[in-house]
Amino acid sequence: MKVIIDLCVVPIGVGISVSEYIAACQEIIDAAGLEFHLHAYGTNIEGEWDAVFDVIKKCHEKIHAMGAPRITTTIKAGTRIDKDQTMNEKVKSVEDKLAKE
């Protein structure tokens, strides 16, 4: 089953800046070959359910290995079975409607 998620991983106990931890997580997502889009407060990821959730586990493992004693993660997940739809197609659908106005 395909899934699109919005992932926000927040290392706790590592100071104010967390960009090095997020960069490490992005490398894991990229290495998995999943489509993703980094944004200001998280990352959208799309792919097969098991592959996507495996990446989340690997992100947690990596961030802990980097010294973060705690991590809080927020995940929003969406699936649909009536048709295949990518993240880009979802955004384009809204942009097309805005262009008509």
C-alpha atoms as a PDB file:
ATOM      1  CA  MET A   1       0.000   0.000   0.000  1.00  0.00           C
ATOM      2  CA  LYS A   2       1.315   3.433  -0.898  1.00  0.00           C
ATOM      3  CA  VAL A   3       1.384   6.215   1.667  1.00  0.00           C
ATOM      4  CA  ILE A   4       2.177   9.910   1.760  1.00  0.00           C
ATOM      5  CA  ILE A   5       3.324  11.201   5.129  1.00  0.00           C
ATOM      6  CA  ASP A   6       4.260  14.479   6.692  1.00  0.00           C
ATOM      7  CA  LEU A   7       7.112  13.770   9.112  1.00  0.00           C
ATOM      8  CA  CYS A   8       8.418  16.106  11.794  1.00  0.00           C
ATOM      9  CA  VAL A   9      11.285  14.695  13.869  1.00  0.00           C
ATOM     10  CA  VAL A  10      12.454  16.796  16.822  1.00  0.00           C
ATOM     11  CA  PRO A  11      15.556  15.714  18.747  1.00  0.00           C
ATOM     12  CA  ILE A  12      15.364  16.751  22.405  1.00  0.00           C
ATOM     13  CA  GLY A  13      18.320  17.488  24.649  1.00  0.00           C
ATOM     14  CA  VAL A  14      20.704  18.525  21.877  1.00  0.00           C
ATOM     15  CA  GLY A  15      20.512  22.315  22.031  1.00  0.00           C
ATOM     16  CA  ILE A  16      18.585  24.843  20.012  1.00  0.00           C
ATOM     17  CA  SER A  17      19.761  24.019  16.478  1.00  0.00           C
ATOM     18  CA  VAL A  18      18.701  20.619  15.138  1.00  0.00           C
ATOM     19  CA  SER A  19      19.635  21.022  11.474  1.00  0.00           C
ATOM     20  CA  GLU A  20      22.493  18.482  11.577  1.00  0.00           C
ATOM     21  CA  TYR A  21      20.050  15.836  12.827  1.00  0.00           C
ATOM     22  CA  ILE A  22      17.487  16.684  10.176  1.00  0.00           C
ATOM     23  CA  ALA A  23      20.194  16.581   7.495  1.00  0.00           C
ATOM     24  CA  ALA A  24      21.180  13.086   8.655  1.00  0.00           C
ATOM     25  CA  CYS A  25      17.552  12.001   8.417  1.00  0.00           C
ATOM     26  CA  GLN A  26      17.250  13.492   4.903  1.00  0.00           C
ATOM     27  CA  GLU A  27      20.265  11.429   3.821  1.00  0.00           C
ATOM     28  CA  ILE A  28      18.511   8.273   5.049  1.00  0.00           C
ATOM     29  CA  ILE A  29      15.330   9.143   3.140  1.00  0.00           C
ATOM     30  CA  ASP A  30      17.299   9.900  -0.023  1.00  0.00           C
ATOM     31  CA  ALA A  31      19.336   6.676   0.262  1.00  0.00           C
ATOM     32  CA  ALA A  32      16.074   4.710   0.487  1.00  0.00           C
ATOM     33  CA  GLY A  33      15.100   6.045  -2.930  1.00  0.00           C
ATOM     34  CA  LEU A  34      11.854   7.566  -1.685  1.00  0.00           C
ATOM     35  CA  GLU A  35      10.308  10.715  -3.091  1.00  0.00           C
ATOM     36  CA  PHE A  36      10.460  13.507  -0.516  1.00  0.00           C
ATOM     37  CA  HIS A  37      10.096  17.226  -0.100  1.00  0.00           C
ATOM     38  CA  LEU A  38      11.758  19.054   2.780  1.00  0.00           C
ATOM     39  CA  HIS A  39       9.806  22.035   4.075  1.00  0.00           C
ATOM     40  CA  ALA A  40      10.247  24.469   6.954  1.00  0.00           C
ATOM     41  CA  TYR A  41       8.674  22.280   9.638  1.00  0.00           C
ATOM     42  CA  GLY A  42       9.108  18.753   8.347  1.00  0.00           C
ATOM     43  CA  THR A  43       9.357  16.496   5.329  1.00  0.00           C
ATOM     44  CA  ASN A  44       6.734  15.008   3.027  1.00  0.00           C
ATOM     45  CA  ILE A  45       7.610  11.456   1.993  1.00  0.00           C
ATOM     46  CA  GLU A  46       5.840   9.092  -0.381  1.00  0.00           C
ATOM     47  CA  GLY A  47       6.329   5.419  -1.103  1.00  0.00           C
ATOM     48  CA  GLU A  48       5.301   1.962  -0.075  1.00  0.00           C
ATOM     49  CA  TRP A  49       4.093   1.786   3.554  1.00  0.00           C
ATOM     50  CA  ASP A  50       6.833  -0.522   4.851  1.00  0.00           C
ATOM     51  CA  ALA A  51       9.629   1.413   3.138  1.00  0.00           C
ATOM     52  CA  VAL A  52       8.397   4.753   4.484  1.00  0.00           C
ATOM     53  CA  PHE A  53       7.991   3.541   8.046  1.00  0.00           C
ATOM     54  CA  ASP A  54      11.344   1.737   7.891  1.00  0.00           C
ATOM     55  CA  VAL A  55      12.939   5.090   7.055  1.00  0.00           C
ATOM     56  CA  ILE A  56      11.316   6.663  10.120  1.00  0.00           C
ATOM     57  CA  LYS A  57      12.797   3.926  12.306  1.00  0.00           C
ATOM     58  CA  LYS A  58      16.230   4.417  10.730  1.00  0.00           C
ATOM     59  CA  CYS A  59      15.974   8.176  11.331  1.00  0.00           C
ATOM     60  CA  HIS A  60      15.274   7.563  15.010  1.00  0.00           C
ATOM     61  CA  GLU A  61      18.152   5.105  15.276  1.00  0.00           C
ATOM     62  CA  LYS A  62      20.576   7.521  13.566  1.00  0.00           C
ATOM     63  CA  ILE A  63      19.540  10.540  15.634  1.00  0.00           C
ATOM     64  CA  HIS A  64      19.895   8.568  18.865  1.00  0.00           C
ATOM     65  CA  ALA A  65      23.319   7.355  17.676  1.00  0.00           C
ATOM     66  CA  MET A  66      24.271  11.013  17.145  1.00  0.00           C
ATOM     67  CA  GLY A  67      23.645  11.629  20.841  1.00  0.00           C
ATOM     68  CA  ALA A  68      20.015  12.743  21.118  1.00  0.00           C
ATOM     69  CA  PRO A  69      18.636  11.234  24.329  1.00  0.00           C
ATOM     70  CA  ARG A  70      15.014  11.846  23.284  1.00  0.00           C
ATOM     71  CA  ILE A  71      13.077  12.336  20.068  1.00  0.00           C
ATOM     72  CA  THR A  72       9.521  13.442  19.569  1.00  0.00           C
ATOM     73  CA  THR A  73       8.003  12.725  16.165  1.00  0.00           C
ATOM     74  CA  THR A  74       4.764  13.847  14.610  1.00  0.00           C
ATOM     75  CA  ILE A  75       3.453  11.882  11.638  1.00  0.00           C
ATOM     76  CA  LYS A  76       0.449  12.584   9.464  1.00  0.00           C
ATOM     77  CA  ALA A  77      -0.230   9.745   7.038  1.00  0.00           C
ATOM     78  CA  GLY A  78      -2.601   9.428   4.131  1.00  0.00           C
ATOM     79  CA  THR A  79      -3.462   6.492   1.919  1.00  0.00           C
ATOM     80  CA  ARG A  80      -5.873   6.101  -0.925  1.00  0.00           C
ATOM     81  CA  ILE A  81      -6.945   3.024  -2.829  1.00  0.00           C
ATOM     82  CA  ASP A  82      -9.143   4.491  -5.564  1.00  0.00           C
ATOM     83  CA  LYS A  83      -6.160   5.765  -7.602  1.00  0.00           C
ATOM     84  CA  ASP A  84      -2.441   6.412  -7.440  1.00  0.00           C
ATOM     85  CA  GLN A  85      -1.642  10.024  -6.631  1.00  0.00           C
ATOM     86  CA  THR A  86       1.759  11.541  -5.929  1.00  0.00           C
ATOM     87  CA  MET A  87       2.625  14.476  -3.703  1.00  0.00           C
ATOM     88  CA  ASN A  88       3.307  16.581  -6.794  1.00  0.00           C
ATOM     89  CA  GLU A  89      -0.058  15.691  -8.320  1.00  0.00           C
ATOM     90  CA  LYS A  90      -1.841  16.710  -5.117  1.00  0.00           C
ATOM     91  CA  VAL A  91      -0.130  20.107  -5.117  1.00  0.00           C
ATOM     92  CA  LYS A  92      -0.690  20.611  -8.845  1.00  0.00           C
ATOM     93  CA  SER A  93      -4.404  19.946  -8.410  1.00  0.00           C
ATOM     94  CA  VAL A  94      -4.678  22.853  -5.967  1.00  0.00           C
ATOM     95  CA  GLU A  95      -2.439  25.100  -8.082  1.00  0.00           C
ATOM     96  CA  ASP A  96      -4.610  24.410 -11.159  1.00  0.00           C
ATOM     97  CA  LYS A  97      -7.712  25.449  -9.247  1.00  0.00           C
ATOM     98  CA  LEU A  98      -6.008  28.638  -8.046  1.00  0.00           C
ATOM     99  CA  ALA A  99      -4.932  29.473 -11.594  1.00  0.00           C
ATOM    100  CA  LYS A 100      -8.567  29.353 -12.754  1.00  0.00           C
ATOM    101  CA  GLU A 101      -9.607  32.026 -10.266  1.00  0.00           C
END
